[in-house]
């Protein structure tokens, strides 16, 4: 007679891989994830030309490492997982140090935090709410 309180043989546990959300969950084809499947070929071409002009043009003004660190920060704020991974890899390949990557991440975090403060300041002003009056620099006239 089995009792719910009696010790039961434990099923062997298998280490399950954590589910990591991705920005493009389509199945990989030939080792690469499907991408741009929602863009018509003409627009993909225009985007590709734009991208190449920014990152690979002989007329660019920023060095590759700086471009990639800026791109990493923008990717973090935009929450683009594929962009984050691609630009992080390219930044490191172009000589970005661990400290430079860390500083870039910190800047992105600060910008995101500032955006939240800005949004709530505007909402508070629109709703005439002032929970914690401040004479901070933003409010000095």
Protein backbone atom coordinates (compact mmCIF):
# COMPACT_ATOMS: atom_id res chain seq x y z
CA UNK A 1 0.00 0.00 0.00
CA UNK A 2 1.54 3.23 -1.12
CA UNK A 3 1.33 6.19 1.17
CA UNK A 4 1.66 9.72 -0.03
CA UNK A 5 3.91 10.29 2.94
CA UNK A 6 6.12 7.30 2.30
CA UNK A 7 9.43 8.06 0.64
CA UNK A 8 9.23 7.50 -3.08
CA UNK A 9 12.07 6.51 -5.34
CA UNK A 10 13.35 9.66 -6.94
CA UNK A 11 13.34 9.85 -10.68
CA UNK A 12 16.79 10.53 -12.05
CA UNK A 13 17.14 14.23 -12.73
CA UNK A 14 18.54 15.36 -16.00
CA UNK A 15 20.13 18.73 -16.24
CA UNK A 16 17.73 20.66 -18.40
CA UNK A 17 19.11 23.47 -20.45
CA UNK A 18 17.57 26.78 -19.37
CA UNK A 19 15.24 28.31 -21.90
CA UNK A 20 16.85 31.47 -23.16
CA UNK A 21 14.56 33.83 -25.04
CA UNK A 22 15.89 35.00 -28.35
CA UNK A 23 14.88 37.93 -30.49
CA UNK A 24 14.47 35.70 -33.56
CA UNK A 25 13.11 32.29 -32.49
CA UNK A 26 12.86 30.85 -36.01
CA UNK A 27 14.49 27.53 -36.72
CA UNK A 28 18.06 27.62 -37.93
CA UNK A 29 18.63 26.73 -41.56
CA UNK A 30 22.06 25.55 -42.62
CA UNK A 31 23.51 26.59 -39.25
CA UNK A 32 22.17 30.15 -39.41
CA UNK A 33 18.94 31.52 -37.96
CA UNK A 34 16.38 32.73 -40.45
CA UNK A 35 16.44 36.49 -40.59
CA UNK A 36 14.90 39.29 -42.59
CA UNK A 37 12.15 36.90 -43.66
CA UNK A 38 9.56 39.63 -43.24
CA UNK A 39 11.40 42.16 -45.43
CA UNK A 40 10.96 42.19 -49.16
CA UNK A 41 14.25 41.79 -51.10
CA UNK A 42 14.39 45.44 -52.17
CA UNK A 43 14.22 46.64 -48.55
CA UNK A 44 16.79 44.03 -47.44
CA UNK A 45 19.13 45.35 -50.14
CA UNK A 46 18.61 48.97 -49.04
CA UNK A 47 19.21 48.03 -45.40
CA UNK A 48 22.34 46.07 -46.37
CA UNK A 49 23.72 49.05 -48.28
CA UNK A 50 22.99 51.33 -45.32
CA UNK A 51 24.67 48.92 -42.89
CA UNK A 52 27.75 48.51 -45.10
CA UNK A 53 28.05 52.29 -45.52
CA UNK A 54 28.08 52.76 -41.74
CA UNK A 55 30.46 49.97 -40.77
CA UNK A 56 32.64 49.34 -43.81
CA UNK A 57 32.87 52.59 -45.77
CA UNK A 58 36.27 54.11 -46.38
CA UNK A 59 34.63 57.43 -45.48
CA UNK A 60 33.67 56.44 -41.92
CA UNK A 61 34.93 58.75 -39.18
CA UNK A 62 34.99 56.42 -36.17
CA UNK A 63 37.35 53.51 -35.78
CA UNK A 64 35.82 50.04 -35.71
CA UNK A 65 36.27 49.50 -31.97
CA UNK A 66 34.47 52.77 -31.14
CA UNK A 67 31.68 51.95 -33.60
CA UNK A 68 31.21 48.53 -32.06
CA UNK A 69 31.15 49.84 -28.48
CA UNK A 70 28.53 52.44 -29.46
CA UNK A 71 26.61 49.72 -31.28
CA UNK A 72 26.78 47.48 -28.22
CA UNK A 73 25.34 50.23 -26.00
CA UNK A 74 22.57 50.96 -28.50
CA UNK A 75 21.82 47.24 -28.83
CA UNK A 76 21.49 46.88 -25.07
CA UNK A 77 19.08 49.80 -24.84
CA UNK A 78 17.13 48.49 -27.86
CA UNK A 79 17.07 45.00 -26.30
CA UNK A 80 18.21 43.34 -29.52
CA UNK A 81 19.78 40.02 -28.44
CA UNK A 82 21.30 39.18 -31.81
CA UNK A 83 22.69 42.72 -32.09
CA UNK A 84 24.19 42.53 -28.58
CA UNK A 85 25.98 39.29 -29.34
CA UNK A 86 27.20 40.39 -32.77
CA UNK A 87 28.47 43.79 -31.64
CA UNK A 88 30.01 42.41 -28.43
CA UNK A 89 31.94 39.84 -30.49
CA UNK A 90 33.03 42.47 -33.02
CA UNK A 91 34.03 44.92 -30.26
CA UNK A 92 36.25 42.32 -28.64
CA UNK A 93 37.70 41.26 -32.00
CA UNK A 94 38.54 44.90 -32.71
CA UNK A 95 40.51 45.20 -29.48
CA UNK A 96 37.99 46.39 -26.87
CA UNK A 97 39.23 45.57 -23.39
CA UNK A 98 37.13 44.00 -20.66
CA UNK A 99 37.08 47.39 -18.94
CA UNK A 100 35.87 49.16 -22.10
CA UNK A 101 33.08 46.63 -22.55
CA UNK A 102 32.13 47.01 -18.88
CA UNK A 103 32.06 50.80 -19.17
CA UNK A 104 29.92 50.54 -22.29
CA UNK A 105 27.43 48.32 -20.45
CA UNK A 106 27.39 50.78 -17.54
CA UNK A 107 26.69 53.69 -19.89
CA UNK A 108 23.82 51.78 -21.50
CA UNK A 109 22.40 50.99 -18.04
CA UNK A 110 22.67 54.66 -17.05
CA UNK A 111 20.89 55.79 -20.22
CA UNK A 112 18.12 53.26 -19.64
CA UNK A 113 17.75 54.44 -16.03
CA UNK A 114 17.66 58.08 -17.18
CA UNK A 115 14.93 57.20 -19.69
CA UNK A 116 12.80 55.75 -16.88
CA UNK A 117 13.32 58.89 -14.77
CA UNK A 118 12.45 61.08 -17.75
CA UNK A 119 9.27 59.12 -18.52
CA UNK A 120 8.10 59.28 -14.92
CA UNK A 121 8.96 63.01 -14.64
CA UNK A 122 6.80 63.71 -17.69
CA UNK A 123 3.97 61.52 -16.36
CA UNK A 124 4.15 63.25 -12.97
CA UNK A 125 4.05 66.69 -14.62
CA UNK A 126 1.10 65.65 -16.82
CA UNK A 127 -0.79 64.32 -13.80
CA UNK A 128 0.32 67.12 -11.44
CA UNK A 129 1.94 64.61 -9.05
CA UNK A 130 4.91 65.61 -6.91
CA UNK A 131 5.49 62.87 -4.32
CA UNK A 132 9.01 63.89 -3.37
CA UNK A 133 9.58 67.57 -4.22
CA UNK A 134 13.03 68.18 -5.64
CA UNK A 135 15.07 71.24 -6.41
CA UNK A 136 17.45 69.13 -8.49
CA UNK A 137 19.17 70.56 -11.58
CA UNK A 138 16.28 69.67 -13.87
CA UNK A 139 13.96 71.90 -11.85
CA UNK A 140 16.20 74.93 -11.51
CA UNK A 141 15.10 77.69 -13.78
